[in-house]
PDB file of N, CA and C in Angstrom:
ATOM      1  N   MET A   1     -19.838 -11.817 -26.543  1.00  0.00           N
ATOM      2  CA  MET A   1     -18.550 -10.895 -26.841  1.00  0.00           C
ATOM      3  C   MET A   1     -19.998  -9.149 -26.873  1.00  0.00           C
ATOM      4  N   LEU A   2     -19.145  -8.224 -26.454  1.00  0.00           N
ATOM      5  CA  LEU A   2     -19.624  -6.949 -26.556  1.00  0.00           C
ATOM      6  C   LEU A   2     -19.660  -5.973 -27.530  1.00  0.00           C
ATOM      7  N   GLU A   3     -20.052  -5.332 -28.148  1.00  0.00           N
ATOM      8  CA  GLU A   3     -19.516  -4.144 -29.054  1.00  0.00           C
ATOM      9  C   GLU A   3     -20.335  -2.963 -28.692  1.00  0.00           C
ATOM     10  N   MET A   4     -19.316  -1.918 -28.907  1.00  0.00           N
ATOM     11  CA  MET A   4     -19.642  -0.910 -27.706  1.00  0.00           C
ATOM     12  C   MET A   4     -19.922   0.090 -29.403  1.00  0.00           C
ATOM     13  N   ASN A   5     -20.919   0.872 -29.217  1.00  0.00           N
ATOM     14  CA  ASN A   5     -21.955   1.511 -30.498  1.00  0.00           C
ATOM     15  C   ASN A   5     -21.224   3.359 -30.354  1.00  0.00           C
ATOM     16  N   SER A   6     -20.585   3.344 -31.179  1.00  0.00           N
ATOM     17  CA  SER A   6     -20.040   4.304 -31.427  1.00  0.00           C
ATOM     18  C   SER A   6     -20.517   5.561 -31.086  1.00  0.00           C
ATOM     19  N   THR A   7     -22.016   5.600 -31.487  1.00  0.00           N
ATOM     20  CA  THR A   7     -22.546   6.980 -30.736  1.00  0.00           C
ATOM     21  C   THR A   7     -22.971   6.812 -29.449  1.00  0.00           C
ATOM     22  N   SER A   8     -22.600   5.660 -28.999  1.00  0.00           N
ATOM     23  CA  SER A   8     -23.369   6.085 -27.240  1.00  0.00           C
ATOM     24  C   SER A   8     -22.622   4.985 -27.070  1.00  0.00           C
ATOM     25  N   SER A   9     -23.068   4.726 -25.522  1.00  0.00           N
ATOM     26  CA  SER A   9     -22.306   3.874 -24.643  1.00  0.00           C
ATOM     27  C   SER A   9     -22.872   2.824 -24.315  1.00  0.00           C
ATOM     28  N   THR A  10     -23.645   1.982 -25.746  1.00  0.00           N
ATOM     29  CA  THR A  10     -24.513   0.862 -25.154  1.00  0.00           C
ATOM     30  C   THR A  10     -23.581  -0.464 -25.640  1.00  0.00           C
ATOM     31  N   MET A  11     -23.684  -1.484 -24.736  1.00  0.00           N
ATOM     32  CA  MET A  11     -22.732  -2.354 -25.668  1.00  0.00           C
ATOM     33  C   MET A  11     -23.642  -3.725 -26.329  1.00  0.00           C
ATOM     34  N   HIS A  12     -23.356  -4.381 -27.455  1.00  0.00           N
ATOM     35  CA  HIS A  12     -23.919  -5.067 -28.345  1.00  0.00           C
ATOM     36  C   HIS A  12     -23.177  -5.948 -28.204  1.00  0.00           C
ATOM     37  N   PRO A  13     -24.181  -7.390 -28.311  1.00  0.00           N
ATOM     38  CA  PRO A  13     -23.487  -9.143 -28.142  1.00  0.00           C
ATOM     39  C   PRO A  13     -22.861  -9.414 -29.189  1.00  0.00           C
ATOM     40  N   SER A  14     -22.603  -8.566 -30.592  1.00  0.00           N
ATOM     41  CA  SER A  14     -22.497  -9.267 -31.454  1.00  0.00           C
ATOM     42  C   SER A  14     -20.956  -8.979 -31.394  1.00  0.00           C
ATOM     43  N   ALA A  15     -19.909  -8.250 -31.042  1.00  0.00           N
ATOM     44  CA  ALA A  15     -19.149  -7.704 -31.288  1.00  0.00           C
ATOM     45  C   ALA A  15     -18.141  -8.655 -31.076  1.00  0.00           C
ATOM     46  N   ASP A  16     -16.826  -8.539 -32.077  1.00  0.00           N
ATOM     47  CA  ASP A  16     -16.092  -9.394 -32.577  1.00  0.00           C
ATOM     48  C   ASP A  16     -14.471  -8.533 -31.919  1.00  0.00           C
ATOM     49  N   HIS A  17     -14.224  -9.061 -30.568  1.00  0.00           N
ATOM     50  CA  HIS A  17     -12.845  -8.553 -29.939  1.00  0.00           C
ATOM     51  C   HIS A  17     -11.644  -9.162 -30.464  1.00  0.00           C
ATOM     52  N   SER A  18     -11.085  -9.958 -31.078  1.00  0.00           N
ATOM     53  CA  SER A  18     -10.422 -10.774 -31.155  1.00  0.00           C
ATOM     54  C   SER A  18      -9.205  -9.870 -31.968  1.00  0.00           C
ATOM     55  N   GLY A  19      -9.666  -8.709 -32.289  1.00  0.00           N
ATOM     56  CA  GLY A  19      -8.291  -7.601 -32.942  1.00  0.00           C
ATOM     57  C   GLY A  19      -7.811  -6.836 -31.498  1.00  0.00           C
ATOM     58  N   ILE A  20      -8.061  -7.270 -30.623  1.00  0.00           N
ATOM     59  CA  ILE A  20      -7.852  -6.652 -29.040  1.00  0.00           C
ATOM     60  C   ILE A  20      -6.991  -7.348 -28.811  1.00  0.00           C
ATOM     61  N   PHE A  21      -7.533  -8.669 -28.562  1.00  0.00           N
ATOM     62  CA  PHE A  21      -6.341  -9.295 -28.108  1.00  0.00           C
ATOM     63  C   PHE A  21      -5.334 -10.273 -28.589  1.00  0.00           C
ATOM     64  N   ALA A  22      -5.347  -9.362 -29.953  1.00  0.00           N
ATOM     65  CA  ALA A  22      -4.229  -9.363 -31.057  1.00  0.00           C
ATOM     66  C   ALA A  22      -3.034  -8.443 -31.018  1.00  0.00           C
ATOM     67  N   LEU A  23      -3.618  -7.047 -29.905  1.00  0.00           N
ATOM     68  CA  LEU A  23      -2.556  -6.038 -29.289  1.00  0.00           C
ATOM     69  C   LEU A  23      -1.788  -6.939 -29.017  1.00  0.00           C
ATOM     70  N   PRO A  24      -0.470  -6.189 -29.134  1.00  0.00           N
ATOM     71  CA  PRO A  24       0.889  -6.433 -28.244  1.00  0.00           C
ATOM     72  C   PRO A  24       0.167  -5.841 -26.597  1.00  0.00           C
ATOM     73  N   VAL A  25       0.899  -6.814 -25.764  1.00  0.00           N
ATOM     74  CA  VAL A  25       0.962  -6.576 -24.446  1.00  0.00           C
ATOM     75  C   VAL A  25       0.961  -4.948 -23.713  1.00  0.00           C
ATOM     76  N   GLU A  26       1.800  -4.273 -24.310  1.00  0.00           N
ATOM     77  CA  GLU A  26       1.548  -2.820 -23.897  1.00  0.00           C
ATOM     78  C   GLU A  26       0.630  -1.894 -24.711  1.00  0.00           C
ATOM     79  N   GLU A  27      -0.109  -2.355 -25.838  1.00  0.00           N
ATOM     80  CA  GLU A  27      -0.741  -1.486 -25.774  1.00  0.00           C
ATOM     81  C   GLU A  27      -2.603  -2.453 -24.901  1.00  0.00           C
ATOM     82  N   ARG A  28      -2.625  -3.141 -24.928  1.00  0.00           N
ATOM     83  CA  ARG A  28      -3.608  -4.026 -24.079  1.00  0.00           C
ATOM     84  C   ARG A  28      -3.635  -3.618 -22.806  1.00  0.00           C
ATOM     85  N   ILE A  29      -2.449  -3.025 -22.094  1.00  0.00           N
ATOM     86  CA  ILE A  29      -2.508  -2.359 -20.425  1.00  0.00           C
ATOM     87  C   ILE A  29      -2.669  -1.082 -20.928  1.00  0.00           C
ATOM     88  N   ASP A  30      -2.712  -0.005 -22.120  1.00  0.00           N
ATOM     89  CA  ASP A  30      -2.701   0.980 -22.108  1.00  0.00           C
ATOM     90  C   ASP A  30      -4.210   1.310 -22.561  1.00  0.00           C
ATOM     91  N   LEU A  31      -4.813   0.572 -23.044  1.00  0.00           N
ATOM     92  CA  LEU A  31      -6.038   0.287 -23.438  1.00  0.00           C
ATOM     93  C   LEU A  31      -7.446   0.077 -21.787  1.00  0.00           C
ATOM     94  N   ALA A  32      -6.634  -1.068 -21.282  1.00  0.00           N
ATOM     95  CA  ALA A  32      -7.349  -1.549 -20.239  1.00  0.00           C
ATOM     96  C   ALA A  32      -7.292  -0.105 -19.622  1.00  0.00           C
ATOM     97  N   GLN A  33      -5.957   0.482 -18.867  1.00  0.00           N
ATOM     98  CA  GLN A  33      -6.054   1.323 -18.172  1.00  0.00           C
ATOM     99  C   GLN A  33      -6.859   2.898 -18.467  1.00  0.00           C
ATOM    100  N   ARG A  34      -7.217   2.926 -19.838  1.00  0.00           N
ATOM    101  CA  ARG A  34      -7.543   3.957 -20.396  1.00  0.00           C
ATOM    102  C   ARG A  34      -9.438   3.801 -20.224  1.00  0.00           C
ATOM    103  N   LEU A  35      -9.652   2.662 -20.206  1.00  0.00           N
ATOM    104  CA  LEU A  35     -11.101   2.592 -19.684  1.00  0.00           C
ATOM    105  C   LEU A  35     -11.391   2.396 -18.277  1.00  0.00           C
ATOM    106  N   TRP A  36     -10.227   1.782 -17.381  1.00  0.00           N
ATOM    107  CA  TRP A  36     -10.444   2.235 -15.937  1.00  0.00           C
ATOM    108  C   TRP A  36     -10.877   3.138 -15.788  1.00  0.00           C
ATOM    109  N   ASP A  37      -9.743   4.498 -16.279  1.00  0.00           N
ATOM    110  CA  ASP A  37      -9.581   5.741 -16.025  1.00  0.00           C
ATOM    111  C   ASP A  37     -11.631   6.404 -16.706  1.00  0.00           C
ATOM    112  N   SER A  38     -11.595   5.924 -17.696  1.00  0.00           N
ATOM    113  CA  SER A  38     -13.055   6.527 -18.105  1.00  0.00           C
ATOM    114  C   SER A  38     -14.223   6.298 -17.260  1.00  0.00           C
ATOM    115  N   VAL A  39     -14.088   5.087 -16.528  1.00  0.00           N
ATOM    116  CA  VAL A  39     -14.720   4.172 -15.169  1.00  0.00           C
ATOM    117  C   VAL A  39     -14.392   5.213 -14.393  1.00  0.00           C
ATOM    118  N   ARG A  40     -13.499   5.186 -13.830  1.00  0.00           N
ATOM    119  CA  ARG A  40     -13.176   6.200 -12.159  1.00  0.00           C
ATOM    120  C   ARG A  40     -13.753   7.437 -12.596  1.00  0.00           C
ATOM    121  N   ASP A  41     -13.561   8.006 -13.707  1.00  0.00           N
ATOM    122  CA  ASP A  41     -13.849   9.492 -13.646  1.00  0.00           C
ATOM    123  C   ASP A  41     -15.669   9.870 -13.551  1.00  0.00           C
ATOM    124  N   GLU A  42     -16.270   8.598 -13.616  1.00  0.00           N
ATOM    125  CA  GLU A  42     -17.980   8.988 -13.731  1.00  0.00           C
ATOM    126  C   GLU A  42     -18.402   8.224 -12.536  1.00  0.00           C
ATOM    127  N   ILE A  43     -17.034   7.657 -11.973  1.00  0.00           N
ATOM    128  CA  ILE A  43     -17.997   6.780 -10.232  1.00  0.00           C
ATOM    129  C   ILE A  43     -18.704   7.525  -9.704  1.00  0.00           C
ATOM    130  N   ASP A  44     -17.956   9.192  -9.266  1.00  0.00           N
ATOM    131  CA  ASP A  44     -18.203   9.915  -8.227  1.00  0.00           C
ATOM    132  C   ASP A  44     -19.877   9.916  -8.901  1.00  0.00           C
ATOM    133  N   ALA A  45     -20.213   9.779  -9.797  1.00  0.00           N
ATOM    134  CA  ALA A  45     -21.644  10.209 -10.281  1.00  0.00           C
ATOM    135  C   ALA A  45     -22.669   9.266  -9.578  1.00  0.00           C
ATOM    136  N   LEU A  46     -22.451   7.774  -9.562  1.00  0.00           N
ATOM    137  CA  LEU A  46     -23.186   7.123  -9.049  1.00  0.00           C
ATOM    138  C   LEU A  46     -23.635   7.567  -7.570  1.00  0.00           C
ATOM    139  N   PRO A  47     -25.056   7.282  -6.812  1.00  0.00           N
ATOM    140  CA  PRO A  47     -25.431   7.117  -5.516  1.00  0.00           C
ATOM    141  C   PRO A  47     -24.864   5.931  -4.951  1.00  0.00           C
ATOM    142  N   LEU A  48     -24.046   5.985  -3.559  1.00  0.00           N
ATOM    143  CA  LEU A  48     -24.244   5.139  -2.597  1.00  0.00           C
ATOM    144  C   LEU A  48     -25.468   4.381  -2.448  1.00  0.00           C
ATOM    145  N   THR A  49     -25.152   3.056  -2.497  1.00  0.00           N
ATOM    146  CA  THR A  49     -26.585   2.102  -1.911  1.00  0.00           C
ATOM    147  C   THR A  49     -26.785   2.692  -0.437  1.00  0.00           C
ATOM    148  N   ALA A  50     -28.189   2.985   0.240  1.00  0.00           N
ATOM    149  CA  ALA A  50     -28.401   2.921   1.814  1.00  0.00           C
ATOM    150  C   ALA A  50     -27.023   1.721   2.461  1.00  0.00           C
ATOM    151  N   ALA A  51     -26.458   0.783   1.828  1.00  0.00           N
ATOM    152  CA  ALA A  51     -25.700  -0.565   2.673  1.00  0.00           C
ATOM    153  C   ALA A  51     -24.324   0.089   2.664  1.00  0.00           C
ATOM    154  N   GLN A  52     -23.880   0.484   1.424  1.00  0.00           N
ATOM    155  CA  GLN A  52     -22.684   0.953   1.067  1.00  0.00           C
ATOM    156  C   GLN A  52     -22.224   2.212   2.116  1.00  0.00           C
ATOM    157  N   ARG A  53     -23.376   3.549   2.130  1.00  0.00           N
ATOM    158  CA  ARG A  53     -23.575   4.234   3.228  1.00  0.00           C
ATOM    159  C   ARG A  53     -23.176   4.239   4.478  1.00  0.00           C
ATOM    160  N   ALA A  54     -24.115   2.826   5.032  1.00  0.00           N
ATOM    161  CA  ALA A  54     -23.996   2.575   6.267  1.00  0.00           C
ATOM    162  C   ALA A  54     -22.367   1.757   6.454  1.00  0.00           C
ATOM    163  N   GLU A  55     -22.047   1.195   5.639  1.00  0.00           N
ATOM    164  CA  GLU A  55     -20.750   0.004   5.637  1.00  0.00           C
ATOM    165  C   GLU A  55     -19.697   1.583   6.142  1.00  0.00           C
ATOM    166  N   ILE A  56     -19.623   2.868   5.165  1.00  0.00           N
ATOM    167  CA  ILE A  56     -18.457   3.889   5.589  1.00  0.00           C
ATOM    168  C   ILE A  56     -18.646   4.691   6.666  1.00  0.00           C
ATOM    169  N   GLU A  57     -20.072   4.466   7.264  1.00  0.00           N
ATOM    170  CA  GLU A  57     -20.584   5.343   8.216  1.00  0.00           C
ATOM    171  C   GLU A  57     -20.050   3.752   9.487  1.00  0.00           C
ATOM    172  N   ARG A  58     -19.918   2.538   9.338  1.00  0.00           N
ATOM    173  CA  ARG A  58     -19.260   1.619  10.535  1.00  0.00           C
ATOM    174  C   ARG A  58     -17.689   1.746  10.396  1.00  0.00           C
ATOM    175  N   ARG A  59     -17.047   1.973   9.253  1.00  0.00           N
ATOM    176  CA  ARG A  59     -16.083   1.952   9.365  1.00  0.00           C
ATOM    177  C   ARG A  59     -15.047   3.059   9.795  1.00  0.00           C
ATOM    178  N   VAL A  60     -15.860   3.884   9.428  1.00  0.00           N
ATOM    179  CA  VAL A  60     -15.268   5.858  10.472  1.00  0.00           C
ATOM    180  C   VAL A  60     -15.313   5.520  11.163  1.00  0.00           C
ATOM    181  N   ALA A  61     -16.533   4.673  12.126  1.00  0.00           N
ATOM    182  CA  ALA A  61     -17.106   5.246  14.117  1.00  0.00           C
ATOM    183  C   ALA A  61     -15.603   4.146  14.434  1.00  0.00           C
ATOM    184  N   GLU A  62     -15.367   2.859  13.754  1.00  0.00           N
ATOM    185  CA  GLU A  62     -14.411   1.984  14.204  1.00  0.00           C
ATOM    186  C   GLU A  62     -13.035   2.859  14.110  1.00  0.00           C
ATOM    187  N   ILE A  63     -12.954   3.218  12.973  1.00  0.00           N
ATOM    188  CA  ILE A  63     -11.003   4.226  13.122  1.00  0.00           C
ATOM    189  C   ILE A  63     -11.602   5.235  14.092  1.00  0.00           C
ATOM    190  N   ASP A  64     -12.429   6.133  13.710  1.00  0.00           N
ATOM    191  CA  ASP A  64     -12.712   7.137  15.037  1.00  0.00           C
ATOM    192  C   ASP A  64     -12.618   6.685  16.966  1.00  0.00           C
ATOM    193  N   ALA A  65     -12.867   5.584  16.973  1.00  0.00           N
ATOM    194  CA  ALA A  65     -12.704   5.116  18.176  1.00  0.00           C
ATOM    195  C   ALA A  65     -11.804   3.915  18.812  1.00  0.00           C
ATOM    196  N   GLY A  66     -10.793   4.192  17.762  1.00  0.00           N
ATOM    197  CA  GLY A  66      -9.754   3.233  17.901  1.00  0.00           C
ATOM    198  C   GLY A  66      -9.322   1.948  17.802  1.00  0.00           C
ATOM    199  N   ALA A  67     -10.453   1.576  17.249  1.00  0.00           N
ATOM    200  CA  ALA A  67     -10.903   0.335  17.032  1.00  0.00           C
ATOM    201  C   ALA A  67     -10.383  -0.361  16.062  1.00  0.00           C
ATOM    202  N   VAL A  68      -9.915   0.495  15.235  1.00  0.00           N
ATOM    203  CA  VAL A  68      -8.933  -0.286  14.314  1.00  0.00           C
ATOM    204  C   VAL A  68      -7.171  -0.054  14.060  1.00  0.00           C
ATOM    205  N   HIS A  69      -6.295  -0.241  13.468  1.00  0.00           N
ATOM    206  CA  HIS A  69      -5.149   0.331  13.429  1.00  0.00           C
ATOM    207  C   HIS A  69      -5.247   0.834  11.431  1.00  0.00           C
ATOM    208  N   CYS A  70      -4.707   2.018  11.611  1.00  0.00           N
ATOM    209  CA  CYS A  70      -4.762   2.357  10.183  1.00  0.00           C
ATOM    210  C   CYS A  70      -3.725   2.498  10.087  1.00  0.00           C
ATOM    211  N   GLU A  71      -2.858   2.863   9.128  1.00  0.00           N
ATOM    212  CA  GLU A  71      -1.660   2.572   8.082  1.00  0.00           C
ATOM    213  C   GLU A  71      -1.904   3.044   6.737  1.00  0.00           C
ATOM    214  N   PRO A  72      -0.660   4.084   6.648  1.00  0.00           N
ATOM    215  CA  PRO A  72      -0.665   4.918   5.671  1.00  0.00           C
ATOM    216  C   PRO A  72      -0.511   3.912   4.267  1.00  0.00           C
ATOM    217  N   PHE A  73      -0.870   3.275   2.978  1.00  0.00           N
ATOM    218  CA  PHE A  73      -0.909   2.948   2.365  1.00  0.00           C
ATOM    219  C   PHE A  73       0.659   2.374   1.588  1.00  0.00           C
ATOM    220  N   ASP A  74       1.589   3.862   1.213  1.00  0.00           N
ATOM    221  CA  ASP A  74       2.654   3.850   1.410  1.00  0.00           C
ATOM    222  C   ASP A  74       3.915   2.718   2.482  1.00  0.00           C
ATOM    223  N   ALA A  75       3.261   3.096   3.372  1.00  0.00           N
ATOM    224  CA  ALA A  75       4.015   2.587   4.663  1.00  0.00           C
ATOM    225  C   ALA A  75       3.633   0.994   4.562  1.00  0.00           C
ATOM    226  N   LEU A  76       2.840   0.528   4.050  1.00  0.00           N
ATOM    227  CA  LEU A  76       1.937  -0.465   4.833  1.00  0.00           C
ATOM    228  C   LEU A  76       2.961  -1.634   3.566  1.00  0.00           C
ATOM    229  N   MET A  77       2.646  -0.929   2.157  1.00  0.00           N
ATOM    230  CA  MET A  77       3.200  -1.515   0.942  1.00  0.00           C
ATOM    231  C   MET A  77       4.967  -1.905   1.245  1.00  0.00           C
ATOM    232  N   LYS A  78       5.659  -0.567   1.681  1.00  0.00           N
ATOM    233  CA  LYS A  78       7.280  -0.713   2.516  1.00  0.00           C
ATOM    234  C   LYS A  78       7.290  -2.257   2.908  1.00  0.00           C
ATOM    235  N   ARG A  79       5.993  -1.888   3.897  1.00  0.00           N
ATOM    236  CA  ARG A  79       6.328  -3.122   5.111  1.00  0.00           C
ATOM    237  C   ARG A  79       6.024  -4.698   4.262  1.00  0.00           C
ATOM    238  N   LEU A  80       4.964  -4.874   3.639  1.00  0.00           N
ATOM    239  CA  LEU A  80       4.829  -6.054   3.218  1.00  0.00           C
ATOM    240  C   LEU A  80       6.050  -6.296   2.203  1.00  0.00           C
ATOM    241  N   LEU A  81       6.755  -5.398   1.284  1.00  0.00           N
ATOM    242  CA  LEU A  81       7.581  -5.763   0.230  1.00  0.00           C
ATOM    243  C   LEU A  81       9.287  -5.987   1.289  1.00  0.00           C
ATOM    244  N   ALA A  82       9.047  -5.304   2.120  1.00  0.00           N
ATOM    245  CA  ALA A  82      10.482  -6.194   3.232  1.00  0.00           C
ATOM    246  C   ALA A  82       9.786  -6.972   3.961  1.00  0.00           C
ATOM    247  N   GLU A  83       9.236  -7.504   4.157  1.00  0.00           N
ATOM    248  CA  GLU A  83       8.921  -9.261   4.386  1.00  0.00           C
ATOM    249  C   GLU A  83       9.478 -10.230   3.597  1.00  0.00           C
TER     250      GLU A  83
END
């Protein structure tokens, strides 16, 4: 188990998270969402690796060349849920 130090973002392997798992499901979902939001807010600060940048460029080139079909997420979900 990992323990979050209250004065930094370092984790310590001695934590007991049983209290978290004892929370009602709604509170665990809220906690998970808040944790994910904190990661999402910082993820843009991480630089892309050369491989990640190359993959993005490859995918954009496929889209620009018309080699792949793109569909808006909302339209895709509507179509999938209708099936």
